[in-house]
Full PDB file with SEQRES, HELIX, SHEET, SSBOND, CRYST1, ORIGX, SCALE, CONECT and MASTER records, all heavy atoms in Angstrom:
SEQRES   1 A   42  SER VAL ILE GLU GLU GLY SER PRO THR GLU ALA LEU ASN          
SEQRES   2 A   42  VAL ARG ALA ASP LYS PRO LEU LEU ARG ILE ALA ILE LEU          
SEQRES   3 A   42  ASN VAL LEU HIS ASN ALA VAL LYS PHE SER PRO THR GLY          
SEQRES   4 A   42  SER THR LEU                                                  
HELIX    1 AA1 LYS A   18  PHE A   35  1                                  18    
CRYST1    1.000    1.000    1.000  90.00  90.00  90.00 P 1           1          
ORIGX1      1.000000  0.000000  0.000000        0.00000                         
ORIGX2      0.000000  1.000000  0.000000        0.00000                         
ORIGX3      0.000000  0.000000  1.000000        0.00000                         
SCALE1      1.000000  0.000000  0.000000        0.00000                         
SCALE2      0.000000  1.000000  0.000000        0.00000                         
SCALE3      0.000000  0.000000  1.000000        0.00000                         
ATOM      1  N   SER A   1      -9.506   3.559  -9.073  1.00  0.00           N  
ATOM      2  CA  SER A   1      -9.176   4.836  -8.433  1.00  0.00           C  
ATOM      3  C   SER A   1      -8.519   4.576  -7.072  1.00  0.00           C  
ATOM      4  O   SER A   1      -9.084   3.874  -6.231  1.00  0.00           O  
ATOM      5  CB  SER A   1     -10.437   5.686  -8.247  1.00  0.00           C  
ATOM      6  OG  SER A   1     -11.042   5.965  -9.492  1.00  0.00           O  
ATOM      7  N   VAL A   2      -7.339   5.141  -6.871  1.00  0.00           N  
ATOM      8  CA  VAL A   2      -6.609   4.976  -5.597  1.00  0.00           C  
ATOM      9  C   VAL A   2      -6.745   6.266  -4.803  1.00  0.00           C  
ATOM     10  O   VAL A   2      -6.381   7.346  -5.274  1.00  0.00           O  
ATOM     11  CB  VAL A   2      -5.131   4.628  -5.833  1.00  0.00           C  
ATOM     12  CG1 VAL A   2      -4.401   4.517  -4.497  1.00  0.00           C  
ATOM     13  CG2 VAL A   2      -5.007   3.357  -6.651  1.00  0.00           C  
ATOM     14  N   ILE A   3      -7.258   6.150  -3.601  1.00  0.00           N  
ATOM     15  CA  ILE A   3      -7.447   7.304  -2.706  1.00  0.00           C  
ATOM     16  C   ILE A   3      -6.648   7.057  -1.420  1.00  0.00           C  
ATOM     17  O   ILE A   3      -6.838   6.042  -0.746  1.00  0.00           O  
ATOM     18  CB  ILE A   3      -8.937   7.515  -2.380  1.00  0.00           C  
ATOM     19  CG1 ILE A   3      -9.739   7.762  -3.666  1.00  0.00           C  
ATOM     20  CG2 ILE A   3      -9.103   8.683  -1.412  1.00  0.00           C  
ATOM     21  CD1 ILE A   3     -11.227   7.880  -3.417  1.00  0.00           C  
ATOM     22  N   GLU A   4      -5.750   7.988  -1.097  1.00  0.00           N  
ATOM     23  CA  GLU A   4      -4.975   7.894   0.146  1.00  0.00           C  
ATOM     24  C   GLU A   4      -5.574   8.852   1.161  1.00  0.00           C  
ATOM     25  O   GLU A   4      -5.789  10.035   0.877  1.00  0.00           O  
ATOM     26  CB  GLU A   4      -3.508   8.225  -0.104  1.00  0.00           C  
ATOM     27  CG  GLU A   4      -2.806   7.213  -1.008  1.00  0.00           C  
ATOM     28  CD  GLU A   4      -1.308   7.435  -1.086  1.00  0.00           C  
ATOM     29  OE1 GLU A   4      -0.610   7.142  -0.084  1.00  0.00           O  
ATOM     30  OE2 GLU A   4      -0.840   7.912  -2.135  1.00  0.00           O  
ATOM     31  N   GLU A   5      -5.825   8.364   2.345  1.00  0.00           N  
ATOM     32  CA  GLU A   5      -6.490   9.133   3.396  1.00  0.00           C  
ATOM     33  C   GLU A   5      -5.596   9.200   4.641  1.00  0.00           C  
ATOM     34  O   GLU A   5      -4.940   8.219   5.007  1.00  0.00           O  
ATOM     35  CB  GLU A   5      -7.829   8.493   3.774  1.00  0.00           C  
ATOM     36  CG  GLU A   5      -8.794   8.365   2.595  1.00  0.00           C  
ATOM     37  CD  GLU A   5     -10.027   7.554   2.950  1.00  0.00           C  
ATOM     38  OE1 GLU A   5      -9.940   6.721   3.879  1.00  0.00           O  
ATOM     39  OE2 GLU A   5     -11.060   7.753   2.295  1.00  0.00           O  
ATOM     40  N   GLY A   6      -5.642  10.365   5.291  1.00  0.00           N  
ATOM     41  CA  GLY A   6      -4.917  10.509   6.562  1.00  0.00           C  
ATOM     42  C   GLY A   6      -3.428  10.308   6.425  1.00  0.00           C  
ATOM     43  O   GLY A   6      -2.831   9.497   7.129  1.00  0.00           O  
ATOM     44  N   SER A   7      -2.780  11.040   5.510  1.00  0.00           N  
ATOM     45  CA  SER A   7      -1.343  10.872   5.289  1.00  0.00           C  
ATOM     46  C   SER A   7      -0.579  11.164   6.572  1.00  0.00           C  
ATOM     47  O   SER A   7      -0.822  12.188   7.226  1.00  0.00           O  
ATOM     48  CB  SER A   7      -0.871  11.819   4.178  1.00  0.00           C  
ATOM     49  OG  SER A   7      -1.521  11.508   2.967  1.00  0.00           O  
ATOM     50  N   PRO A   8       0.325  10.312   6.935  1.00  0.00           N  
ATOM     51  CA  PRO A   8       1.070  10.520   8.185  1.00  0.00           C  
ATOM     52  C   PRO A   8       2.079  11.640   8.053  1.00  0.00           C  
ATOM     53  O   PRO A   8       2.485  11.999   6.958  1.00  0.00           O  
ATOM     54  CB  PRO A   8       1.775   9.170   8.390  1.00  0.00           C  
ATOM     55  CG  PRO A   8       1.965   8.654   6.998  1.00  0.00           C  
ATOM     56  CD  PRO A   8       0.762   9.093   6.214  1.00  0.00           C  
ATOM     57  N   THR A   9       2.466  12.192   9.199  1.00  0.00           N  
ATOM     58  CA  THR A   9       3.513  13.205   9.195  1.00  0.00           C  
ATOM     59  C   THR A   9       4.860  12.554   8.957  1.00  0.00           C  
ATOM     60  O   THR A   9       5.016  11.333   9.050  1.00  0.00           O  
ATOM     61  CB  THR A   9       3.534  13.953  10.544  1.00  0.00           C  
ATOM     62  OG1 THR A   9       3.856  13.019  11.577  1.00  0.00           O  
ATOM     63  CG2 THR A   9       2.177  14.570  10.840  1.00  0.00           C  
ATOM     64  N   GLU A  10       5.850  13.383   8.679  1.00  0.00           N  
ATOM     65  CA  GLU A  10       7.186  12.840   8.394  1.00  0.00           C  
ATOM     66  C   GLU A  10       7.793  12.170   9.612  1.00  0.00           C  
ATOM     67  O   GLU A  10       8.724  11.398   9.500  1.00  0.00           O  
ATOM     68  CB  GLU A  10       8.102  13.966   7.921  1.00  0.00           C  
ATOM     69  CG  GLU A  10       7.680  14.567   6.581  1.00  0.00           C  
ATOM     70  CD  GLU A  10       8.637  15.655   6.146  1.00  0.00           C  
ATOM     71  OE1 GLU A  10       9.566  15.947   6.928  1.00  0.00           O  
ATOM     72  OE2 GLU A  10       8.454  16.196   5.048  1.00  0.00           O  
ATOM     73  N   ALA A  11       7.267  12.472  10.812  1.00  0.00           N  
ATOM     74  CA  ALA A  11       7.850  11.899  12.042  1.00  0.00           C  
ATOM     75  C   ALA A  11       7.546  10.418  12.183  1.00  0.00           C  
ATOM     76  O   ALA A  11       8.198   9.719  12.953  1.00  0.00           O  
ATOM     77  CB  ALA A  11       7.346  12.650  13.262  1.00  0.00           C  
ATOM     78  N   LEU A  12       6.521   9.934  11.455  1.00  0.00           N  
ATOM     79  CA  LEU A  12       6.135   8.532  11.608  1.00  0.00           C  
ATOM     80  C   LEU A  12       6.980   7.665  10.688  1.00  0.00           C  
ATOM     81  O   LEU A  12       6.585   7.320   9.572  1.00  0.00           O  
ATOM     82  CB  LEU A  12       4.640   8.360  11.309  1.00  0.00           C  
ATOM     83  CG  LEU A  12       3.709   9.086  12.278  1.00  0.00           C  
ATOM     84  CD1 LEU A  12       2.263   8.815  11.915  1.00  0.00           C  
ATOM     85  CD2 LEU A  12       3.974   8.645  13.708  1.00  0.00           C  
ATOM     86  N   ASN A  13       8.165   7.329  11.152  1.00  0.00           N  
ATOM     87  CA  ASN A  13       9.076   6.475  10.408  1.00  0.00           C  
ATOM     88  C   ASN A  13       9.113   5.095  11.057  1.00  0.00           C  
ATOM     89  O   ASN A  13       8.764   4.917  12.223  1.00  0.00           O  
ATOM     90  CB  ASN A  13      10.485   7.074  10.382  1.00  0.00           C  
ATOM     91  CG  ASN A  13      10.527   8.408   9.669  1.00  0.00           C  
ATOM     92  OD1 ASN A  13       9.767   8.639   8.727  1.00  0.00           O  
ATOM     93  ND2 ASN A  13      11.399   9.299  10.121  1.00  0.00           N  
ATOM     94  N   VAL A  14       9.558   4.119  10.284  1.00  0.00           N  
ATOM     95  CA  VAL A  14       9.708   2.760  10.797  1.00  0.00           C  
ATOM     96  C   VAL A  14      11.139   2.310  10.556  1.00  0.00           C  
ATOM     97  O   VAL A  14      11.845   2.847   9.698  1.00  0.00           O  
ATOM     98  CB  VAL A  14       8.720   1.771  10.113  1.00  0.00           C  
ATOM     99  CG1 VAL A  14       7.292   2.157  10.413  1.00  0.00           C  
ATOM    100  CG2 VAL A  14       8.965   1.710   8.620  1.00  0.00           C  
ATOM    101  N   ARG A  15      11.569   1.318  11.333  1.00  0.00           N  
ATOM    102  CA  ARG A  15      12.887   0.706  11.133  1.00  0.00           C  
ATOM    103  C   ARG A  15      12.658  -0.723  10.671  1.00  0.00           C  
ATOM    104  O   ARG A  15      12.064  -1.526  11.395  1.00  0.00           O  
ATOM    105  CB  ARG A  15      13.698   0.719  12.427  1.00  0.00           C  
ATOM    106  CG  ARG A  15      14.987  -0.091  12.336  1.00  0.00           C  
ATOM    107  CD  ARG A  15      15.775  -0.042  13.618  1.00  0.00           C  
ATOM    108  NE  ARG A  15      16.498   1.207  13.766  1.00  0.00           N  
ATOM    109  CZ  ARG A  15      17.124   1.574  14.879  1.00  0.00           C  
ATOM    110  NH1 ARG A  15      17.074   0.790  15.935  1.00  0.00           N  
ATOM    111  NH2 ARG A  15      17.771   2.716  14.943  1.00  0.00           N  
ATOM    112  N   ALA A  16      13.119  -1.048   9.470  1.00  0.00           N  
ATOM    113  CA  ALA A  16      12.862  -2.374   8.909  1.00  0.00           C  
ATOM    114  C   ALA A  16      13.811  -2.622   7.750  1.00  0.00           C  
ATOM    115  O   ALA A  16      14.589  -1.745   7.341  1.00  0.00           O  
ATOM    116  CB  ALA A  16      11.411  -2.479   8.449  1.00  0.00           C  
ATOM    117  N   ASP A  17      13.758  -3.851   7.238  1.00  0.00           N  
ATOM    118  CA  ASP A  17      14.449  -4.203   6.001  1.00  0.00           C  
ATOM    119  C   ASP A  17      13.594  -3.676   4.852  1.00  0.00           C  
ATOM    120  O   ASP A  17      12.575  -4.261   4.494  1.00  0.00           O  
ATOM    121  CB  ASP A  17      14.620  -5.729   5.921  1.00  0.00           C  
ATOM    122  CG  ASP A  17      15.496  -6.148   4.749  1.00  0.00           C  
ATOM    123  OD1 ASP A  17      15.436  -5.473   3.699  1.00  0.00           O  
ATOM    124  OD2 ASP A  17      16.198  -7.162   4.860  1.00  0.00           O  
ATOM    125  N   LYS A  18      14.002  -2.564   4.279  1.00  0.00           N  
ATOM    126  CA  LYS A  18      13.159  -1.860   3.312  1.00  0.00           C  
ATOM    127  C   LYS A  18      12.805  -2.712   2.090  1.00  0.00           C  
ATOM    128  O   LYS A  18      11.633  -2.739   1.675  1.00  0.00           O  
ATOM    129  CB  LYS A  18      13.845  -0.559   2.885  1.00  0.00           C  
ATOM    130  CG  LYS A  18      12.943   0.364   2.066  1.00  0.00           C  
ATOM    131  CD  LYS A  18      13.623   1.702   1.837  1.00  0.00           C  
ATOM    132  CE  LYS A  18      12.701   2.651   1.080  1.00  0.00           C  
ATOM    133  NZ  LYS A  18      13.344   3.979   0.865  1.00  0.00           N  
ATOM    134  N   PRO A  19      13.752  -3.428   1.455  1.00  0.00           N  
ATOM    135  CA  PRO A  19      13.372  -4.255   0.295  1.00  0.00           C  
ATOM    136  C   PRO A  19      12.328  -5.312   0.638  1.00  0.00           C  
ATOM    137  O   PRO A  19      11.405  -5.558  -0.150  1.00  0.00           O  
ATOM    138  CB  PRO A  19      14.696  -4.880  -0.145  1.00  0.00           C  
ATOM    139  CG  PRO A  19      15.743  -3.941   0.355  1.00  0.00           C  
ATOM    140  CD  PRO A  19      15.220  -3.414   1.637  1.00  0.00           C  
ATOM    141  N   LEU A  20      12.454  -5.936   1.831  1.00  0.00           N  
ATOM    142  CA  LEU A  20      11.468  -6.952   2.205  1.00  0.00           C  
ATOM    143  C   LEU A  20      10.113  -6.327   2.498  1.00  0.00           C  
ATOM    144  O   LEU A  20       9.067  -6.889   2.121  1.00  0.00           O  
ATOM    145  CB  LEU A  20      11.959  -7.740   3.426  1.00  0.00           C  
ATOM    146  CG  LEU A  20      13.008  -8.825   3.168  1.00  0.00           C  
ATOM    147  CD1 LEU A  20      13.367  -9.528   4.469  1.00  0.00           C  
ATOM    148  CD2 LEU A  20      12.512  -9.836   2.152  1.00  0.00           C  
ATOM    149  N   LEU A  21      10.115  -5.160   3.159  1.00  0.00           N  
ATOM    150  CA  LEU A  21       8.835  -4.505   3.431  1.00  0.00           C  
ATOM    151  C   LEU A  21       8.169  -4.071   2.123  1.00  0.00           C  
ATOM    152  O   LEU A  21       6.945  -4.121   1.995  1.00  0.00           O  
ATOM    153  CB  LEU A  21       9.043  -3.307   4.351  1.00  0.00           C  
ATOM    154  CG  LEU A  21       7.767  -2.583   4.807  1.00  0.00           C  
ATOM    155  CD1 LEU A  21       6.816  -3.552   5.512  1.00  0.00           C  
ATOM    156  CD2 LEU A  21       8.099  -1.404   5.707  1.00  0.00           C  
ATOM    157  N   ARG A  22       8.971  -3.653   1.145  1.00  0.00           N  
ATOM    158  CA  ARG A  22       8.412  -3.303  -0.165  1.00  0.00           C  
ATOM    159  C   ARG A  22       7.716  -4.518  -0.780  1.00  0.00           C  
ATOM    160  O   ARG A  22       6.624  -4.402  -1.358  1.00  0.00           O  
ATOM    161  CB  ARG A  22       9.507  -2.798  -1.086  1.00  0.00           C  
ATOM    162  CG  ARG A  22       8.986  -2.398  -2.477  1.00  0.00           C  
ATOM    163  CD  ARG A  22      10.099  -2.134  -3.475  1.00  0.00           C  
ATOM    164  NE  ARG A  22      10.895  -0.974  -3.095  1.00  0.00           N  
ATOM    165  CZ  ARG A  22      12.143  -1.033  -2.690  1.00  0.00           C  
ATOM    166  NH1 ARG A  22      12.747  -2.217  -2.560  1.00  0.00           N  
ATOM    167  NH2 ARG A  22      12.807   0.063  -2.390  1.00  0.00           N  
ATOM    168  N   ILE A  23       8.342  -5.688  -0.661  1.00  0.00           N  
ATOM    169  CA  ILE A  23       7.735  -6.908  -1.215  1.00  0.00           C  
ATOM    170  C   ILE A  23       6.429  -7.226  -0.491  1.00  0.00           C  
ATOM    171  O   ILE A  23       5.433  -7.620  -1.117  1.00  0.00           O  
ATOM    172  CB  ILE A  23       8.731  -8.073  -1.107  1.00  0.00           C  
ATOM    173  CG1 ILE A  23       9.923  -7.841  -2.042  1.00  0.00           C  
ATOM    174  CG2 ILE A  23       8.051  -9.405  -1.430  1.00  0.00           C  
ATOM    175  CD1 ILE A  23      11.045  -8.829  -1.853  1.00  0.00           C  
ATOM    176  N   ALA A  24       6.428  -7.062   0.852  1.00  0.00           N  
ATOM    177  CA  ALA A  24       5.202  -7.351   1.605  1.00  0.00           C  
ATOM    178  C   ALA A  24       4.069  -6.432   1.166  1.00  0.00           C  
ATOM    179  O   ALA A  24       2.933  -6.882   0.926  1.00  0.00           O  
ATOM    180  CB  ALA A  24       5.480  -7.200   3.105  1.00  0.00           C  
ATOM    181  N   ILE A  25       4.365  -5.125   1.066  1.00  0.00           N  
ATOM    182  CA  ILE A  25       3.326  -4.182   0.631  1.00  0.00           C  
ATOM    183  C   ILE A  25       2.918  -4.455  -0.817  1.00  0.00           C  
ATOM    184  O   ILE A  25       1.739  -4.349  -1.177  1.00  0.00           O  
ATOM    185  CB  ILE A  25       3.832  -2.735   0.808  1.00  0.00           C  
ATOM    186  CG1 ILE A  25       4.037  -2.441   2.296  1.00  0.00           C  
ATOM    187  CG2 ILE A  25       2.860  -1.732   0.202  1.00  0.00           C  
ATOM    188  CD1 ILE A  25       4.623  -1.068   2.579  1.00  0.00           C  
ATOM    189  N   LEU A  26       3.886  -4.827  -1.653  1.00  0.00           N  
ATOM    190  CA  LEU A  26       3.571  -5.158  -3.050  1.00  0.00           C  
ATOM    191  C   LEU A  26       2.613  -6.346  -3.133  1.00  0.00           C  
ATOM    192  O   LEU A  26       1.652  -6.344  -3.915  1.00  0.00           O  
ATOM    193  CB  LEU A  26       4.867  -5.452  -3.810  1.00  0.00           C  
ATOM    194  CG  LEU A  26       4.715  -5.925  -5.261  1.00  0.00           C  
ATOM    195  CD1 LEU A  26       4.021  -4.863  -6.099  1.00  0.00           C  
ATOM    196  CD2 LEU A  26       6.073  -6.280  -5.849  1.00  0.00           C  
ATOM    197  N   ASN A  27       2.866  -7.369  -2.307  1.00  0.00           N  
ATOM    198  CA  ASN A  27       1.982  -8.541  -2.323  1.00  0.00           C  
ATOM    199  C   ASN A  27       0.565  -8.171  -1.885  1.00  0.00           C  
ATOM    200  O   ASN A  27      -0.419  -8.624  -2.479  1.00  0.00           O  
ATOM    201  CB  ASN A  27       2.542  -9.632  -1.413  1.00  0.00           C  
ATOM    202  CG  ASN A  27       3.774 -10.298  -1.996  1.00  0.00           C  
ATOM    203  OD1 ASN A  27       4.067 -10.150  -3.188  1.00  0.00           O  
ATOM    204  ND2 ASN A  27       4.510 -11.025  -1.166  1.00  0.00           N  
ATOM    205  N   VAL A  28       0.455  -7.325  -0.838  1.00  0.00           N  
ATOM    206  CA  VAL A  28      -0.867  -6.935  -0.346  1.00  0.00           C  
ATOM    207  C   VAL A  28      -1.589  -6.083  -1.401  1.00  0.00           C  
ATOM    208  O   VAL A  28      -2.774  -6.313  -1.720  1.00  0.00           O  
ATOM    209  CB  VAL A  28      -0.737  -6.172   0.988  1.00  0.00           C  
ATOM    210  CG1 VAL A  28      -2.079  -5.587   1.413  1.00  0.00           C  
ATOM    211  CG2 VAL A  28      -0.202  -7.094   2.077  1.00  0.00           C  
ATOM    212  N   LEU A  29      -0.886  -5.102  -1.963  1.00  0.00           N  
ATOM    213  CA  LEU A  29      -1.508  -4.243  -2.963  1.00  0.00           C  
ATOM    214  C   LEU A  29      -1.839  -5.001  -4.247  1.00  0.00           C  
ATOM    215  O   LEU A  29      -2.874  -4.753  -4.883  1.00  0.00           O  
ATOM    216  CB  LEU A  29      -0.585  -3.062  -3.274  1.00  0.00           C  
ATOM    217  CG  LEU A  29      -0.729  -1.824  -2.387  1.00  0.00           C  
ATOM    218  CD1 LEU A  29       0.331  -0.785  -2.716  1.00  0.00           C  
ATOM    219  CD2 LEU A  29      -2.111  -1.224  -2.506  1.00  0.00           C  
ATOM    220  N   HIS A  30      -0.964  -5.920  -4.636  1.00  0.00           N  
ATOM    221  CA  HIS A  30      -1.235  -6.700  -5.843  1.00  0.00           C  
ATOM    222  C   HIS A  30      -2.492  -7.544  -5.663  1.00  0.00           C  
ATOM    223  O   HIS A  30      -3.323  -7.670  -6.588  1.00  0.00           O  
ATOM    224  CB  HIS A  30      -0.040  -7.592  -6.169  1.00  0.00           C  
ATOM    225  CG  HIS A  30      -0.193  -8.359  -7.437  1.00  0.00           C  
ATOM    226  ND1 HIS A  30      -0.679  -9.653  -7.484  1.00  0.00           N  
ATOM    227  CD2 HIS A  30       0.041  -8.004  -8.729  1.00  0.00           C  
ATOM    228  CE1 HIS A  30      -0.715 -10.071  -8.728  1.00  0.00           C  
ATOM    229  NE2 HIS A  30      -0.281  -9.090  -9.518  1.00  0.00           N  
ATOM    230  N   ASN A  31      -2.663  -8.132  -4.463  1.00  0.00           N  
ATOM    231  CA  ASN A  31      -3.888  -8.883  -4.189  1.00  0.00           C  
ATOM    232  C   ASN A  31      -5.107  -7.973  -4.256  1.00  0.00           C  
ATOM    233  O   ASN A  31      -6.150  -8.331  -4.814  1.00  0.00           O  
ATOM    234  CB  ASN A  31      -3.806  -9.532  -2.799  1.00  0.00           C  
ATOM    235  CG  ASN A  31      -3.251 -10.936  -2.857  1.00  0.00           C  
ATOM    236  OD1 ASN A  31      -2.781 -11.370  -3.908  1.00  0.00           O  
ATOM    237  ND2 ASN A  31      -3.281 -11.635  -1.739  1.00  0.00           N  
ATOM    238  N   ALA A  32      -4.970  -6.766  -3.652  1.00  0.00           N  
ATOM    239  CA  ALA A  32      -6.106  -5.841  -3.639  1.00  0.00           C  
ATOM    240  C   ALA A  32      -6.495  -5.429  -5.055  1.00  0.00           C  
ATOM    241  O   ALA A  32      -7.686  -5.363  -5.403  1.00  0.00           O  
ATOM    242  CB  ALA A  32      -5.763  -4.613  -2.798  1.00  0.00           C  
ATOM    243  N   VAL A  33      -5.484  -5.145  -5.894  1.00  0.00           N  
ATOM    244  CA  VAL A  33      -5.766  -4.754  -7.273  1.00  0.00           C  
ATOM    245  C   VAL A  33      -6.323  -5.932  -8.065  1.00  0.00           C  
ATOM    246  O   VAL A  33      -7.268  -5.788  -8.865  1.00  0.00           O  
ATOM    247  CB  VAL A  33      -4.494  -4.185  -7.930  1.00  0.00           C  
ATOM    248  CG1 VAL A  33      -4.716  -3.964  -9.424  1.00  0.00           C  
ATOM    249  CG2 VAL A  33      -4.070  -2.889  -7.250  1.00  0.00           C  
ATOM    250  N   LYS A  34      -5.769  -7.105  -7.831  1.00  0.00           N  
ATOM    251  CA  LYS A  34      -6.186  -8.287  -8.593  1.00  0.00           C  
ATOM    252  C   LYS A  34      -7.645  -8.634  -8.330  1.00  0.00           C  
ATOM    253  O   LYS A  34      -8.374  -9.038  -9.241  1.00  0.00           O  
ATOM    254  CB  LYS A  34      -5.271  -9.468  -8.230  1.00  0.00           C  
ATOM    255  CG  LYS A  34      -5.598 -10.748  -8.975  1.00  0.00           C  
ATOM    256  CD  LYS A  34      -4.532 -11.817  -8.733  1.00  0.00           C  
ATOM    257  CE  LYS A  34      -4.407 -12.188  -7.286  1.00  0.00           C  
ATOM    258  NZ  LYS A  34      -3.457 -13.320  -7.072  1.00  0.00           N  
ATOM    259  N   PHE A  35      -8.075  -8.487  -7.093  1.00  0.00           N  
ATOM    260  CA  PHE A  35      -9.456  -8.864  -6.754  1.00  0.00           C  
ATOM    261  C   PHE A  35     -10.431  -7.691  -6.874  1.00  0.00           C  
ATOM    262  O   PHE A  35     -11.628  -7.853  -6.650  1.00  0.00           O  
ATOM    263  CB  PHE A  35      -9.518  -9.436  -5.338  1.00  0.00           C  
ATOM    264  CG  PHE A  35      -8.890 -10.794  -5.220  1.00  0.00           C  
ATOM    265  CD1 PHE A  35      -7.648 -10.944  -4.642  1.00  0.00           C  
ATOM    266  CD2 PHE A  35      -9.549 -11.921  -5.700  1.00  0.00           C  
ATOM    267  CE1 PHE A  35      -7.065 -12.198  -4.533  1.00  0.00           C  
ATOM    268  CE2 PHE A  35      -8.970 -13.178  -5.588  1.00  0.00           C  
ATOM    269  CZ  PHE A  35      -7.720 -13.322  -5.012  1.00  0.00           C  
ATOM    270  N   SER A  36      -9.940  -6.488  -7.204  1.00  0.00           N  
ATOM    271  CA  SER A  36     -10.829  -5.332  -7.341  1.00  0.00           C  
ATOM    272  C   SER A  36     -11.518  -5.368  -8.715  1.00  0.00           C  
ATOM    273  O   SER A  36     -10.868  -5.617  -9.746  1.00  0.00           O  
ATOM    274  CB  SER A  36     -10.043  -4.028  -7.208  1.00  0.00           C  
ATOM    275  OG  SER A  36      -9.546  -3.869  -5.895  1.00  0.00           O  
ATOM    276  N   PRO A  37     -12.807  -5.132  -8.767  1.00  0.00           N  
ATOM    277  CA  PRO A  37     -13.502  -5.088 -10.061  1.00  0.00           C  
ATOM    278  C   PRO A  37     -13.106  -3.832 -10.854  1.00  0.00           C  
ATOM    279  O   PRO A  37     -12.619  -2.854 -10.289  1.00  0.00           O  
ATOM    280  CB  PRO A  37     -14.974  -5.063  -9.667  1.00  0.00           C  
ATOM    281  CG  PRO A  37     -14.994  -4.508  -8.291  1.00  0.00           C  
ATOM    282  CD  PRO A  37     -13.722  -4.935  -7.637  1.00  0.00           C  
ATOM    283  N   THR A  38     -13.309  -3.892 -12.144  1.00  0.00           N  
ATOM    284  CA  THR A  38     -12.989  -2.760 -13.018  1.00  0.00           C  
ATOM    285  C   THR A  38     -13.811  -1.542 -12.622  1.00  0.00           C  
ATOM    286  O   THR A  38     -15.022  -1.617 -12.377  1.00  0.00           O  
ATOM    287  CB  THR A  38     -13.269  -3.129 -14.478  1.00  0.00           C  
ATOM    288  OG1 THR A  38     -12.491  -4.284 -14.816  1.00  0.00           O  
ATOM    289  CG2 THR A  38     -12.908  -1.979 -15.414  1.00  0.00           C  
ATOM    290  N   GLY A  39     -13.129  -0.396 -12.569  1.00  0.00           N  
ATOM    291  CA  GLY A  39     -13.798   0.850 -12.235  1.00  0.00           C  
ATOM    292  C   GLY A  39     -14.077   1.043 -10.759  1.00  0.00           C  
ATOM    293  O   GLY A  39     -14.815   1.976 -10.400  1.00  0.00           O  
ATOM    294  N   SER A  40     -13.499   0.226  -9.881  1.00  0.00           N  
ATOM    295  CA  SER A  40     -13.740   0.339  -8.440  1.00  0.00           C  
ATOM    296  C   SER A  40     -12.739   1.290  -7.797  1.00  0.00           C  
ATOM    297  O   SER A  40     -11.894   1.890  -8.465  1.00  0.00           O  
ATOM    298  CB  SER A  40     -13.648  -1.044  -7.778  1.00  0.00           C  
ATOM    299  OG  SER A  40     -12.344  -1.569  -7.947  1.00  0.00           O  
ATOM    300  N   THR A  41     -12.860   1.424  -6.489  1.00  0.00           N  
ATOM    301  CA  THR A  41     -11.993   2.340  -5.731  1.00  0.00           C  
ATOM    302  C   THR A  41     -11.160   1.552  -4.713  1.00  0.00           C  
ATOM    303  O   THR A  41     -11.677   0.669  -4.015  1.00  0.00           O  
ATOM    304  CB  THR A  41     -12.833   3.404  -4.997  1.00  0.00           C  
ATOM    305  OG1 THR A  41     -13.583   4.159  -5.966  1.00  0.00           O  
ATOM    306  CG2 THR A  41     -11.942   4.352  -4.202  1.00  0.00           C  
ATOM    307  N   LEU A  42      -9.884   1.887  -4.622  1.00  0.00           N  
ATOM    308  CA  LEU A  42      -8.980   1.289  -3.630  1.00  0.00           C  
ATOM    309  C   LEU A  42      -8.557   2.396  -2.669  1.00  0.00           C  
ATOM    310  O   LEU A  42      -7.933   3.384  -3.072  1.00  0.00           O  
ATOM    311  CB  LEU A  42      -7.745   0.675  -4.313  1.00  0.00           C  
ATOM    312  CG  LEU A  42      -6.641   0.160  -3.378  1.00  0.00           C  
ATOM    313  CD1 LEU A  42      -7.156  -0.955  -2.478  1.00  0.00           C  
ATOM    314  CD2 LEU A  42      -5.443  -0.318  -4.198  1.00  0.00           C  
TER     315      LEU A  42                                                      
MASTER        0    0    0    1    0    0    0    6  314    1    0    4          
END                                                                             
């Protein structure tokens, strides 16, 4: 189960290389999912 808390407003933008930041977030989330037990909450 994925729960998102405290969604930011549209004003909170960042300036970055978007494809690379996507890879960084993908690596972090993939680790979190990989090590999460079945039926747990992220």
